[in-house]
mmCIF file of all heavy atoms, coordinates in Angstrom:
data_MODEL
# 
_entry.id   MODEL 
# 
loop_
_atom_site.group_PDB 
_atom_site.id 
_atom_site.type_symbol 
_atom_site.label_atom_id 
_atom_site.label_alt_id 
_atom_site.label_comp_id 
_atom_site.label_asym_id 
_atom_site.label_entity_id 
_atom_site.label_seq_id 
_atom_site.pdbx_PDB_ins_code 
_atom_site.Cartn_x 
_atom_site.Cartn_y 
_atom_site.Cartn_z 
_atom_site.occupancy 
_atom_site.B_iso_or_equiv 
_atom_site.pdbx_formal_charge 
_atom_site.auth_seq_id 
_atom_site.auth_comp_id 
_atom_site.auth_asym_id 
_atom_site.auth_atom_id 
_atom_site.pdbx_PDB_model_num 
ATOM 1   N N   . GLY A 1 1  ? 6.902  18.755 -4.932  1.00 0.00 ? 1  GLY A N   1 
ATOM 2   C CA  . GLY A 1 1  ? 7.252  20.089 -4.485  1.00 0.00 ? 1  GLY A CA  1 
ATOM 3   C C   . GLY A 1 1  ? 8.520  20.038 -3.614  1.00 0.00 ? 1  GLY A C   1 
ATOM 4   O O   . GLY A 1 1  ? 9.073  18.990 -3.239  1.00 0.00 ? 1  GLY A O   1 
ATOM 5   N N   . PRO A 1 2  ? 9.025  21.314 -3.277  1.00 0.00 ? 2  PRO A N   1 
ATOM 6   C CA  . PRO A 1 2  ? 10.256 21.460 -2.590  1.00 0.00 ? 2  PRO A CA  1 
ATOM 7   C C   . PRO A 1 2  ? 10.335 20.733 -1.226  1.00 0.00 ? 2  PRO A C   1 
ATOM 8   O O   . PRO A 1 2  ? 11.372 20.215 -0.800  1.00 0.00 ? 2  PRO A O   1 
ATOM 9   C CB  . PRO A 1 2  ? 10.421 22.985 -2.346  1.00 0.00 ? 2  PRO A CB  1 
ATOM 10  C CG  . PRO A 1 2  ? 9.448  23.554 -3.345  1.00 0.00 ? 2  PRO A CG  1 
ATOM 11  C CD  . PRO A 1 2  ? 8.403  22.562 -3.627  1.00 0.00 ? 2  PRO A CD  1 
ATOM 12  N N   . GLY A 1 3  ? 9.252  20.684 -0.516  1.00 0.00 ? 3  GLY A N   1 
ATOM 13  C CA  . GLY A 1 3  ? 9.290  20.058 0.784   1.00 0.00 ? 3  GLY A CA  1 
ATOM 14  C C   . GLY A 1 3  ? 8.518  18.693 0.730   1.00 0.00 ? 3  GLY A C   1 
ATOM 15  O O   . GLY A 1 3  ? 8.142  18.089 1.785   1.00 0.00 ? 3  GLY A O   1 
ATOM 16  N N   . GLY A 1 4  ? 8.287  18.158 -0.406  1.00 0.00 ? 4  GLY A N   1 
ATOM 17  C CA  . GLY A 1 4  ? 7.522  16.913 -0.634  1.00 0.00 ? 4  GLY A CA  1 
ATOM 18  C C   . GLY A 1 4  ? 8.320  15.679 -0.445  1.00 0.00 ? 4  GLY A C   1 
ATOM 19  O O   . GLY A 1 4  ? 9.529  15.693 -0.267  1.00 0.00 ? 4  GLY A O   1 
ATOM 20  N N   . TRP A 1 5  ? 7.605  14.634 -0.631  1.00 0.00 ? 5  TRP A N   1 
ATOM 21  C CA  . TRP A 1 5  ? 8.206  13.293 -0.408  1.00 0.00 ? 5  TRP A CA  1 
ATOM 22  C C   . TRP A 1 5  ? 9.364  13.037 -1.395  1.00 0.00 ? 5  TRP A C   1 
ATOM 23  O O   . TRP A 1 5  ? 10.334 12.527 -1.067  1.00 0.00 ? 5  TRP A O   1 
ATOM 24  C CB  . TRP A 1 5  ? 7.066  12.260 -0.590  1.00 0.00 ? 5  TRP A CB  1 
ATOM 25  C CG  . TRP A 1 5  ? 7.639  10.854 -0.560  1.00 0.00 ? 5  TRP A CG  1 
ATOM 26  C CD1 . TRP A 1 5  ? 7.850  10.076 0.557   1.00 0.00 ? 5  TRP A CD1 1 
ATOM 27  C CD2 . TRP A 1 5  ? 8.148  9.983  -1.628  1.00 0.00 ? 5  TRP A CD2 1 
ATOM 28  N NE1 . TRP A 1 5  ? 8.387  8.891  0.212   1.00 0.00 ? 5  TRP A NE1 1 
ATOM 29  C CE2 . TRP A 1 5  ? 8.567  8.836  -1.039  1.00 0.00 ? 5  TRP A CE2 1 
ATOM 30  C CE3 . TRP A 1 5  ? 8.211  10.208 -2.989  1.00 0.00 ? 5  TRP A CE3 1 
ATOM 31  C CZ2 . TRP A 1 5  ? 9.111  7.814  -1.838  1.00 0.00 ? 5  TRP A CZ2 1 
ATOM 32  C CZ3 . TRP A 1 5  ? 8.787  9.203  -3.784  1.00 0.00 ? 5  TRP A CZ3 1 
ATOM 33  C CH2 . TRP A 1 5  ? 9.182  8.029  -3.198  1.00 0.00 ? 5  TRP A CH2 1 
ATOM 34  N N   . CYS A 1 6  ? 9.153  13.379 -2.676  1.00 0.00 ? 6  CYS A N   1 
ATOM 35  C CA  . CYS A 1 6  ? 10.182 13.151 -3.672  1.00 0.00 ? 6  CYS A CA  1 
ATOM 36  C C   . CYS A 1 6  ? 11.431 13.821 -3.224  1.00 0.00 ? 6  CYS A C   1 
ATOM 37  O O   . CYS A 1 6  ? 12.520 13.169 -3.331  1.00 0.00 ? 6  CYS A O   1 
ATOM 38  C CB  . CYS A 1 6  ? 9.648  13.584 -5.000  1.00 0.00 ? 6  CYS A CB  1 
ATOM 39  S SG  . CYS A 1 6  ? 10.710 12.896 -6.326  1.00 0.00 ? 6  CYS A SG  1 
ATOM 40  N N   . ALA A 1 7  ? 11.428 15.066 -2.814  1.00 0.00 ? 7  ALA A N   1 
ATOM 41  C CA  . ALA A 1 7  ? 12.638 15.824 -2.474  1.00 0.00 ? 7  ALA A CA  1 
ATOM 42  C C   . ALA A 1 7  ? 13.260 15.234 -1.207  1.00 0.00 ? 7  ALA A C   1 
ATOM 43  O O   . ALA A 1 7  ? 14.483 15.211 -1.131  1.00 0.00 ? 7  ALA A O   1 
ATOM 44  C CB  . ALA A 1 7  ? 12.268 17.261 -2.297  1.00 0.00 ? 7  ALA A CB  1 
ATOM 45  N N   . LYS A 1 8  ? 12.419 14.852 -0.219  1.00 0.00 ? 8  LYS A N   1 
ATOM 46  C CA  . LYS A 1 8  ? 12.982 14.439 1.052   1.00 0.00 ? 8  LYS A CA  1 
ATOM 47  C C   . LYS A 1 8  ? 13.289 12.899 1.154   1.00 0.00 ? 8  LYS A C   1 
ATOM 48  O O   . LYS A 1 8  ? 14.266 12.518 1.796   1.00 0.00 ? 8  LYS A O   1 
ATOM 49  C CB  . LYS A 1 8  ? 11.981 14.795 2.175   1.00 0.00 ? 8  LYS A CB  1 
ATOM 50  C CG  . LYS A 1 8  ? 11.888 16.207 2.431   1.00 0.00 ? 8  LYS A CG  1 
ATOM 51  C CD  . LYS A 1 8  ? 10.974 16.516 3.653   1.00 0.00 ? 8  LYS A CD  1 
ATOM 52  C CE  . LYS A 1 8  ? 10.941 17.960 4.005   1.00 0.00 ? 8  LYS A CE  1 
ATOM 53  N NZ  . LYS A 1 8  ? 10.082 18.181 5.194   1.00 0.00 ? 8  LYS A NZ  1 
ATOM 54  N N   . HIS A 1 9  ? 12.520 12.120 0.529   1.00 0.00 ? 9  HIS A N   1 
ATOM 55  C CA  . HIS A 1 9  ? 12.626 10.674 0.681   1.00 0.00 ? 9  HIS A CA  1 
ATOM 56  C C   . HIS A 1 9  ? 12.894 9.923  -0.600  1.00 0.00 ? 9  HIS A C   1 
ATOM 57  O O   . HIS A 1 9  ? 13.410 8.797  -0.618  1.00 0.00 ? 9  HIS A O   1 
ATOM 58  C CB  . HIS A 1 9  ? 11.428 10.073 1.380   1.00 0.00 ? 9  HIS A CB  1 
ATOM 59  C CG  . HIS A 1 9  ? 11.125 10.701 2.667   1.00 0.00 ? 9  HIS A CG  1 
ATOM 60  N ND1 . HIS A 1 9  ? 11.763 10.270 3.831   1.00 0.00 ? 9  HIS A ND1 1 
ATOM 61  C CD2 . HIS A 1 9  ? 10.293 11.676 3.055   1.00 0.00 ? 9  HIS A CD2 1 
ATOM 62  C CE1 . HIS A 1 9  ? 11.264 11.034 4.856   1.00 0.00 ? 9  HIS A CE1 1 
ATOM 63  N NE2 . HIS A 1 9  ? 10.399 11.861 4.396   1.00 0.00 ? 9  HIS A NE2 1 
ATOM 64  N N   . GLY A 1 10 ? 12.489 10.461 -1.718  1.00 0.00 ? 10 GLY A N   1 
ATOM 65  C CA  . GLY A 1 10 ? 12.514 9.708  -2.998  1.00 0.00 ? 10 GLY A CA  1 
ATOM 66  C C   . GLY A 1 10 ? 13.678 9.856  -3.844  1.00 0.00 ? 10 GLY A C   1 
ATOM 67  O O   . GLY A 1 10 ? 13.933 9.100  -4.775  1.00 0.00 ? 10 GLY A O   1 
ATOM 68  N N   . ARG A 1 11 ? 14.578 10.800 -3.480  1.00 0.00 ? 11 ARG A N   1 
ATOM 69  C CA  . ARG A 1 11 ? 15.764 11.104 -4.397  1.00 0.00 ? 11 ARG A CA  1 
ATOM 70  C C   . ARG A 1 11 ? 16.645 9.934  -4.742  1.00 0.00 ? 11 ARG A C   1 
ATOM 71  O O   . ARG A 1 11 ? 17.034 9.784  -5.860  1.00 0.00 ? 11 ARG A O   1 
ATOM 72  C CB  . ARG A 1 11 ? 16.596 12.172 -3.783  1.00 0.00 ? 11 ARG A CB  1 
ATOM 73  C CG  . ARG A 1 11 ? 15.965 13.605 -3.910  1.00 0.00 ? 11 ARG A CG  1 
ATOM 74  C CD  . ARG A 1 11 ? 16.068 14.036 -5.458  1.00 0.00 ? 11 ARG A CD  1 
ATOM 75  N NE  . ARG A 1 11 ? 15.616 15.402 -5.496  1.00 0.00 ? 11 ARG A NE  1 
ATOM 76  C CZ  . ARG A 1 11 ? 14.462 15.771 -6.142  1.00 0.00 ? 11 ARG A CZ  1 
ATOM 77  N NH1 . ARG A 1 11 ? 13.677 14.854 -6.646  1.00 0.00 ? 11 ARG A NH1 1 
ATOM 78  N NH2 . ARG A 1 11 ? 14.116 16.972 -6.185  1.00 0.00 ? 11 ARG A NH2 1 
ATOM 79  N N   . PRO A 1 12 ? 16.884 9.064  -3.841  1.00 0.00 ? 12 PRO A N   1 
ATOM 80  C CA  . PRO A 1 12 ? 17.816 7.961  -4.229  1.00 0.00 ? 12 PRO A CA  1 
ATOM 81  C C   . PRO A 1 12 ? 17.167 7.040  -5.333  1.00 0.00 ? 12 PRO A C   1 
ATOM 82  O O   . PRO A 1 12 ? 17.933 6.415  -6.080  1.00 0.00 ? 12 PRO A O   1 
ATOM 83  C CB  . PRO A 1 12 ? 18.056 7.119  -2.947  1.00 0.00 ? 12 PRO A CB  1 
ATOM 84  C CG  . PRO A 1 12 ? 17.669 8.072  -1.803  1.00 0.00 ? 12 PRO A CG  1 
ATOM 85  C CD  . PRO A 1 12 ? 16.663 9.015  -2.394  1.00 0.00 ? 12 PRO A CD  1 
ATOM 86  N N   . ILE A 1 13 ? 15.912 7.009  -5.390  1.00 0.00 ? 13 ILE A N   1 
ATOM 87  C CA  . ILE A 1 13 ? 15.246 6.062  -6.369  1.00 0.00 ? 13 ILE A CA  1 
ATOM 88  C C   . ILE A 1 13 ? 14.488 6.764  -7.478  1.00 0.00 ? 13 ILE A C   1 
ATOM 89  O O   . ILE A 1 13 ? 14.291 6.203  -8.519  1.00 0.00 ? 13 ILE A O   1 
ATOM 90  C CB  . ILE A 1 13 ? 14.315 5.080  -5.681  1.00 0.00 ? 13 ILE A CB  1 
ATOM 91  C CG1 . ILE A 1 13 ? 13.333 5.750  -4.745  1.00 0.00 ? 13 ILE A CG1 1 
ATOM 92  C CG2 . ILE A 1 13 ? 15.150 4.051  -4.857  1.00 0.00 ? 13 ILE A CG2 1 
ATOM 93  C CD1 . ILE A 1 13 ? 12.352 4.923  -4.078  1.00 0.00 ? 13 ILE A CD1 1 
ATOM 94  N N   . ILE A 1 14 ? 14.055 7.980  -7.198  1.00 0.00 ? 14 ILE A N   1 
ATOM 95  C CA  . ILE A 1 14 ? 13.373 8.808  -8.252  1.00 0.00 ? 14 ILE A CA  1 
ATOM 96  C C   . ILE A 1 14 ? 14.073 10.174 -8.352  1.00 0.00 ? 14 ILE A C   1 
ATOM 97  O O   . ILE A 1 14 ? 14.253 10.873 -7.406  1.00 0.00 ? 14 ILE A O   1 
ATOM 98  C CB  . ILE A 1 14 ? 11.904 9.033  -7.790  1.00 0.00 ? 14 ILE A CB  1 
ATOM 99  C CG1 . ILE A 1 14 ? 11.124 7.681  -7.621  1.00 0.00 ? 14 ILE A CG1 1 
ATOM 100 C CG2 . ILE A 1 14 ? 11.148 9.976  -8.739  1.00 0.00 ? 14 ILE A CG2 1 
ATOM 101 C CD1 . ILE A 1 14 ? 10.827 7.017  -8.863  1.00 0.00 ? 14 ILE A CD1 1 
ATOM 102 N N   . ALA A 1 15 ? 14.530 10.436 -9.580  1.00 0.00 ? 15 ALA A N   1 
ATOM 103 C CA  . ALA A 1 15 ? 15.410 11.626 -9.738  1.00 0.00 ? 15 ALA A CA  1 
ATOM 104 C C   . ALA A 1 15 ? 14.742 12.953 -9.539  1.00 0.00 ? 15 ALA A C   1 
ATOM 105 O O   . ALA A 1 15 ? 15.451 13.904 -9.088  1.00 0.00 ? 15 ALA A O   1 
ATOM 106 C CB  . ALA A 1 15 ? 15.977 11.491 -11.190 1.00 0.00 ? 15 ALA A CB  1 
ATOM 107 N N   . SER A 1 16 ? 13.459 12.981 -9.858  1.00 0.00 ? 16 SER A N   1 
ATOM 108 C CA  . SER A 1 16 ? 12.835 14.362 -9.775  1.00 0.00 ? 16 SER A CA  1 
ATOM 109 C C   . SER A 1 16 ? 11.323 14.222 -9.707  1.00 0.00 ? 16 SER A C   1 
ATOM 110 O O   . SER A 1 16 ? 10.793 13.062 -9.852  1.00 0.00 ? 16 SER A O   1 
ATOM 111 C CB  . SER A 1 16 ? 13.140 15.204 -11.060 1.00 0.00 ? 16 SER A CB  1 
ATOM 112 O OG  . SER A 1 16 ? 12.538 14.581 -12.161 1.00 0.00 ? 16 SER A OG  1 
ATOM 113 N N   . ASP A 1 17 ? 10.645 15.330 -9.403  1.00 0.00 ? 17 ASP A N   1 
ATOM 114 C CA  . ASP A 1 17 ? 9.194  15.362 -9.393  1.00 0.00 ? 17 ASP A CA  1 
ATOM 115 C C   . ASP A 1 17 ? 8.644  14.828 -10.721 1.00 0.00 ? 17 ASP A C   1 
ATOM 116 O O   . ASP A 1 17 ? 7.655  14.134 -10.782 1.00 0.00 ? 17 ASP A O   1 
ATOM 117 C CB  . ASP A 1 17 ? 8.693  16.698 -9.018  1.00 0.00 ? 17 ASP A CB  1 
ATOM 118 C CG  . ASP A 1 17 ? 8.708  17.088 -7.542  1.00 0.00 ? 17 ASP A CG  1 
ATOM 119 O OD1 . ASP A 1 17 ? 8.986  16.155 -6.747  1.00 0.00 ? 17 ASP A OD1 1 
ATOM 120 O OD2 . ASP A 1 17 ? 8.443  18.238 -7.185  1.00 0.00 ? 17 ASP A OD2 1 
ATOM 121 N N   . ASN A 1 18 ? 9.236  15.357 -11.819 1.00 0.00 ? 18 ASN A N   1 
ATOM 122 C CA  . ASN A 1 18 ? 8.768  14.965 -13.180 1.00 0.00 ? 18 ASN A CA  1 
ATOM 123 C C   . ASN A 1 18 ? 8.945  13.461 -13.365 1.00 0.00 ? 18 ASN A C   1 
ATOM 124 O O   . ASN A 1 18 ? 8.068  12.821 -14.043 1.00 0.00 ? 18 ASN A O   1 
ATOM 125 C CB  . ASN A 1 18 ? 9.481  15.767 -14.240 1.00 0.00 ? 18 ASN A CB  1 
ATOM 126 C CG  . ASN A 1 18 ? 8.914  17.195 -14.319 1.00 0.00 ? 18 ASN A CG  1 
ATOM 127 O OD1 . ASN A 1 18 ? 7.858  17.468 -13.866 1.00 0.00 ? 18 ASN A OD1 1 
ATOM 128 N ND2 . ASN A 1 18 ? 9.759  18.107 -14.824 1.00 0.00 ? 18 ASN A ND2 1 
ATOM 129 N N   . ALA A 1 19 ? 10.008 12.909 -12.906 1.00 0.00 ? 19 ALA A N   1 
ATOM 130 C CA  . ALA A 1 19 ? 10.270 11.444 -13.125 1.00 0.00 ? 19 ALA A CA  1 
ATOM 131 C C   . ALA A 1 19 ? 9.161  10.651 -12.309 1.00 0.00 ? 19 ALA A C   1 
ATOM 132 O O   . ALA A 1 19 ? 8.663  9.641  -12.763 1.00 0.00 ? 19 ALA A O   1 
ATOM 133 C CB  . ALA A 1 19 ? 11.583 11.063 -12.645 1.00 0.00 ? 19 ALA A CB  1 
ATOM 134 N N   . LEU A 1 20 ? 8.939  11.172 -11.168 1.00 0.00 ? 20 LEU A N   1 
ATOM 135 C CA  . LEU A 1 20 ? 7.851  10.483 -10.323 1.00 0.00 ? 20 LEU A CA  1 
ATOM 136 C C   . LEU A 1 20 ? 6.478  10.635 -10.979 1.00 0.00 ? 20 LEU A C   1 
ATOM 137 O O   . LEU A 1 20 ? 5.745  9.697  -10.965 1.00 0.00 ? 20 LEU A O   1 
ATOM 138 C CB  . LEU A 1 20 ? 7.832  11.051 -8.894  1.00 0.00 ? 20 LEU A CB  1 
ATOM 139 C CG  . LEU A 1 20 ? 6.838  10.390 -7.958  1.00 0.00 ? 20 LEU A CG  1 
ATOM 140 C CD1 . LEU A 1 20 ? 7.147  8.971  -7.751  1.00 0.00 ? 20 LEU A CD1 1 
ATOM 141 C CD2 . LEU A 1 20 ? 6.877  11.117 -6.555  1.00 0.00 ? 20 LEU A CD2 1 
ATOM 142 N N   . ARG A 1 21 ? 6.160  11.752 -11.563 1.00 0.00 ? 21 ARG A N   1 
ATOM 143 C CA  . ARG A 1 21 ? 4.907  11.968 -12.280 1.00 0.00 ? 21 ARG A CA  1 
ATOM 144 C C   . ARG A 1 21 ? 4.775  10.993 -13.374 1.00 0.00 ? 21 ARG A C   1 
ATOM 145 O O   . ARG A 1 21 ? 3.706  10.369 -13.597 1.00 0.00 ? 21 ARG A O   1 
ATOM 146 C CB  . ARG A 1 21 ? 4.731  13.413 -12.703 1.00 0.00 ? 21 ARG A CB  1 
ATOM 147 C CG  . ARG A 1 21 ? 4.426  14.387 -11.712 1.00 0.00 ? 21 ARG A CG  1 
ATOM 148 C CD  . ARG A 1 21 ? 4.162  15.782 -12.241 1.00 0.00 ? 21 ARG A CD  1 
ATOM 149 N NE  . ARG A 1 21 ? 3.802  16.691 -11.182 1.00 0.00 ? 21 ARG A NE  1 
ATOM 150 C CZ  . ARG A 1 21 ? 4.571  17.432 -10.458 1.00 0.00 ? 21 ARG A CZ  1 
ATOM 151 N NH1 . ARG A 1 21 ? 5.859  17.402 -10.708 1.00 0.00 ? 21 ARG A NH1 1 
ATOM 152 N NH2 . ARG A 1 21 ? 4.126  18.248 -9.534  1.00 0.00 ? 21 ARG A NH2 1 
ATOM 153 N N   . TYR A 1 22 ? 5.848  10.751 -14.124 1.00 0.00 ? 22 TYR A N   1 
ATOM 154 C CA  . TYR A 1 22 ? 5.853  9.841  -15.212 1.00 0.00 ? 22 TYR A CA  1 
ATOM 155 C C   . TYR A 1 22 ? 5.662  8.409  -14.664 1.00 0.00 ? 22 TYR A C   1 
ATOM 156 O O   . TYR A 1 22 ? 4.974  7.590  -15.298 1.00 0.00 ? 22 TYR A O   1 
ATOM 157 C CB  . TYR A 1 22 ? 7.134  9.957  -15.974 1.00 0.00 ? 22 TYR A CB  1 
ATOM 158 C CG  . TYR A 1 22 ? 7.258  9.001  -17.135 1.00 0.00 ? 22 TYR A CG  1 
ATOM 159 C CD1 . TYR A 1 22 ? 6.595  9.189  -18.295 1.00 0.00 ? 22 TYR A CD1 1 
ATOM 160 C CD2 . TYR A 1 22 ? 8.054  7.852  -17.015 1.00 0.00 ? 22 TYR A CD2 1 
ATOM 161 C CE1 . TYR A 1 22 ? 6.645  8.282  -19.404 1.00 0.00 ? 22 TYR A CE1 1 
ATOM 162 C CE2 . TYR A 1 22 ? 8.228  6.936  -18.066 1.00 0.00 ? 22 TYR A CE2 1 
ATOM 163 C CZ  . TYR A 1 22 ? 7.493  7.203  -19.231 1.00 0.00 ? 22 TYR A CZ  1 
ATOM 164 O OH  . TYR A 1 22 ? 7.557  6.290  -20.242 1.00 0.00 ? 22 TYR A OH  1 
ATOM 165 N N   . PHE A 1 23 ? 6.391  8.074  -13.580 1.00 0.00 ? 23 PHE A N   1 
ATOM 166 C CA  . PHE A 1 23 ? 6.373  6.785  -13.046 1.00 0.00 ? 23 PHE A CA  1 
ATOM 167 C C   . PHE A 1 23 ? 4.988  6.394  -12.484 1.00 0.00 ? 23 PHE A C   1 
ATOM 168 O O   . PHE A 1 23 ? 4.534  5.266  -12.624 1.00 0.00 ? 23 PHE A O   1 
ATOM 169 C CB  . PHE A 1 23 ? 7.368  6.677  -11.863 1.00 0.00 ? 23 PHE A CB  1 
ATOM 170 C CG  . PHE A 1 23 ? 7.310  5.467  -11.025 1.00 0.00 ? 23 PHE A CG  1 
ATOM 171 C CD1 . PHE A 1 23 ? 7.932  4.276  -11.540 1.00 0.00 ? 23 PHE A CD1 1 
ATOM 172 C CD2 . PHE A 1 23 ? 6.724  5.346  -9.830  1.00 0.00 ? 23 PHE A CD2 1 
ATOM 173 C CE1 . PHE A 1 23 ? 7.913  3.106  -10.837 1.00 0.00 ? 23 PHE A CE1 1 
ATOM 174 C CE2 . PHE A 1 23 ? 6.718  4.170  -9.060  1.00 0.00 ? 23 PHE A CE2 1 
ATOM 175 C CZ  . PHE A 1 23 ? 7.340  3.022  -9.604  1.00 0.00 ? 23 PHE A CZ  1 
ATOM 176 N N   . LEU A 1 24 ? 4.268  7.357  -11.935 1.00 0.00 ? 24 LEU A N   1 
ATOM 177 C CA  . LEU A 1 24 ? 2.957  7.121  -11.280 1.00 0.00 ? 24 LEU A CA  1 
ATOM 178 C C   . LEU A 1 24 ? 1.854  7.097  -12.404 1.00 0.00 ? 24 LEU A C   1 
ATOM 179 O O   . LEU A 1 24 ? 1.096  8.019  -12.512 1.00 0.00 ? 24 LEU A O   1 
ATOM 180 C CB  . LEU A 1 24 ? 2.612  8.228  -10.306 1.00 0.00 ? 24 LEU A CB  1 
ATOM 181 C CG  . LEU A 1 24 ? 3.479  8.179  -9.037  1.00 0.00 ? 24 LEU A CG  1 
ATOM 182 C CD1 . LEU A 1 24 ? 3.119  9.339  -8.079  1.00 0.00 ? 24 LEU A CD1 1 
ATOM 183 C CD2 . LEU A 1 24 ? 3.317  6.812  -8.236  1.00 0.00 ? 24 LEU A CD2 1 
ATOM 184 N N   . SER A 1 25 ? 1.851  6.003  -13.114 1.00 0.00 ? 25 SER A N   1 
ATOM 185 C CA  . SER A 1 25 ? 0.790  5.855  -14.129 1.00 0.00 ? 25 SER A CA  1 
ATOM 186 C C   . SER A 1 25 ? -0.568 5.801  -13.446 1.00 0.00 ? 25 SER A C   1 
ATOM 187 O O   . SER A 1 25 ? -0.615 5.631  -12.239 1.00 0.00 ? 25 SER A O   1 
ATOM 188 C CB  . SER A 1 25 ? 1.054  4.537  -14.922 1.00 0.00 ? 25 SER A CB  1 
ATOM 189 O OG  . SER A 1 25 ? 0.858  3.434  -14.047 1.00 0.00 ? 25 SER A OG  1 
ATOM 190 N N   . PRO A 1 26 ? -1.641 5.975  -14.150 1.00 0.00 ? 26 PRO A N   1 
ATOM 191 C CA  . PRO A 1 26 ? -2.952 5.842  -13.478 1.00 0.00 ? 26 PRO A CA  1 
ATOM 192 C C   . PRO A 1 26 ? -3.152 4.603  -12.758 1.00 0.00 ? 26 PRO A C   1 
ATOM 193 O O   . PRO A 1 26 ? -3.695 4.568  -11.646 1.00 0.00 ? 26 PRO A O   1 
ATOM 194 C CB  . PRO A 1 26 ? -3.906 6.008  -14.673 1.00 0.00 ? 26 PRO A CB  1 
ATOM 195 C CG  . PRO A 1 26 ? -3.193 6.808  -15.688 1.00 0.00 ? 26 PRO A CG  1 
ATOM 196 C CD  . PRO A 1 26 ? -1.802 6.368  -15.579 1.00 0.00 ? 26 PRO A CD  1 
ATOM 197 N N   . GLU A 1 27 ? -2.612 3.504  -13.313 1.00 0.00 ? 27 GLU A N   1 
ATOM 198 C CA  . GLU A 1 27 ? -2.860 2.156  -12.621 1.00 0.00 ? 27 GLU A CA  1 
ATOM 199 C C   . GLU A 1 27 ? -2.085 2.091  -11.270 1.00 0.00 ? 27 GLU A C   1 
ATOM 200 O O   . GLU A 1 27 ? -2.592 1.617  -10.227 1.00 0.00 ? 27 GLU A O   1 
ATOM 201 C CB  . GLU A 1 27 ? -2.369 1.045  -13.450 1.00 0.00 ? 27 GLU A CB  1 
ATOM 202 C CG  . GLU A 1 27 ? -3.149 0.820  -14.737 1.00 0.00 ? 27 GLU A CG  1 
ATOM 203 C CD  . GLU A 1 27 ? -2.779 1.752  -15.856 1.00 0.00 ? 27 GLU A CD  1 
ATOM 204 O OE1 . GLU A 1 27 ? -1.615 2.337  -15.837 1.00 0.00 ? 27 GLU A OE1 1 
ATOM 205 O OE2 . GLU A 1 27 ? -3.531 1.970  -16.805 1.00 0.00 ? 27 GLU A OE2 1 
ATOM 206 N N   . ILE A 1 28 ? -0.859 2.560  -11.263 1.00 0.00 ? 28 ILE A N   1 
ATOM 207 C CA  . ILE A 1 28 ? -0.067 2.590  -10.018 1.00 0.00 ? 28 ILE A CA  1 
ATOM 208 C C   . ILE A 1 28 ? -0.668 3.552  -9.080  1.00 0.00 ? 28 ILE A C   1 
ATOM 209 O O   . ILE A 1 28 ? -0.759 3.178  -7.914  1.00 0.00 ? 28 ILE A O   1 
ATOM 210 C CB  . ILE A 1 28 ? 1.456  2.999  -10.358 1.00 0.00 ? 28 ILE A CB  1 
ATOM 211 C CG1 . ILE A 1 28 ? 2.097  1.874  -11.136 1.00 0.00 ? 28 ILE A CG1 1 
ATOM 212 C CG2 . ILE A 1 28 ? 2.196  3.201  -9.074  1.00 0.00 ? 28 ILE A CG2 1 
ATOM 213 C CD1 . ILE A 1 28 ? 3.521  2.169  -11.661 1.00 0.00 ? 28 ILE A CD1 1 
ATOM 214 N N   . LYS A 1 29 ? -1.069 4.732  -9.485  1.00 0.00 ? 29 LYS A N   1 
ATOM 215 C CA  . LYS A 1 29 ? -1.682 5.705  -8.651  1.00 0.00 ? 29 LYS A CA  1 
ATOM 216 C C   . LYS A 1 29 ? -2.886 5.121  -8.006  1.00 0.00 ? 29 LYS A C   1 
ATOM 217 O O   . LYS A 1 29 ? -3.081 5.270  -6.778  1.00 0.00 ? 29 LYS A O   1 
ATOM 218 C CB  . LYS A 1 29 ? -1.990 7.014  -9.427  1.00 0.00 ? 29 LYS A CB  1 
ATOM 219 C CG  . LYS A 1 29 ? -2.084 8.204  -8.615  1.00 0.00 ? 29 LYS A CG  1 
ATOM 220 C CD  . LYS A 1 29 ? -2.443 9.400  -9.503  1.00 0.00 ? 29 LYS A CD  1 
ATOM 221 C CE  . LYS A 1 29 ? -1.427 9.636  -10.613 1.00 0.00 ? 29 LYS A CE  1 
ATOM 222 N NZ  . LYS A 1 29 ? -1.672 10.863 -11.356 1.00 0.00 ? 29 LYS A NZ  1 
# 
C-alpha cells in the first residue's frame, strides 16, 4: 500500500507492491 513497507523501505530492492507479491511465494511467506 501507499504507506506500506514496500513504498517506504523496499523500493531500492523491490520495484512495486506487485513485484513483492510475486516474490513472496508461499514458502518465503
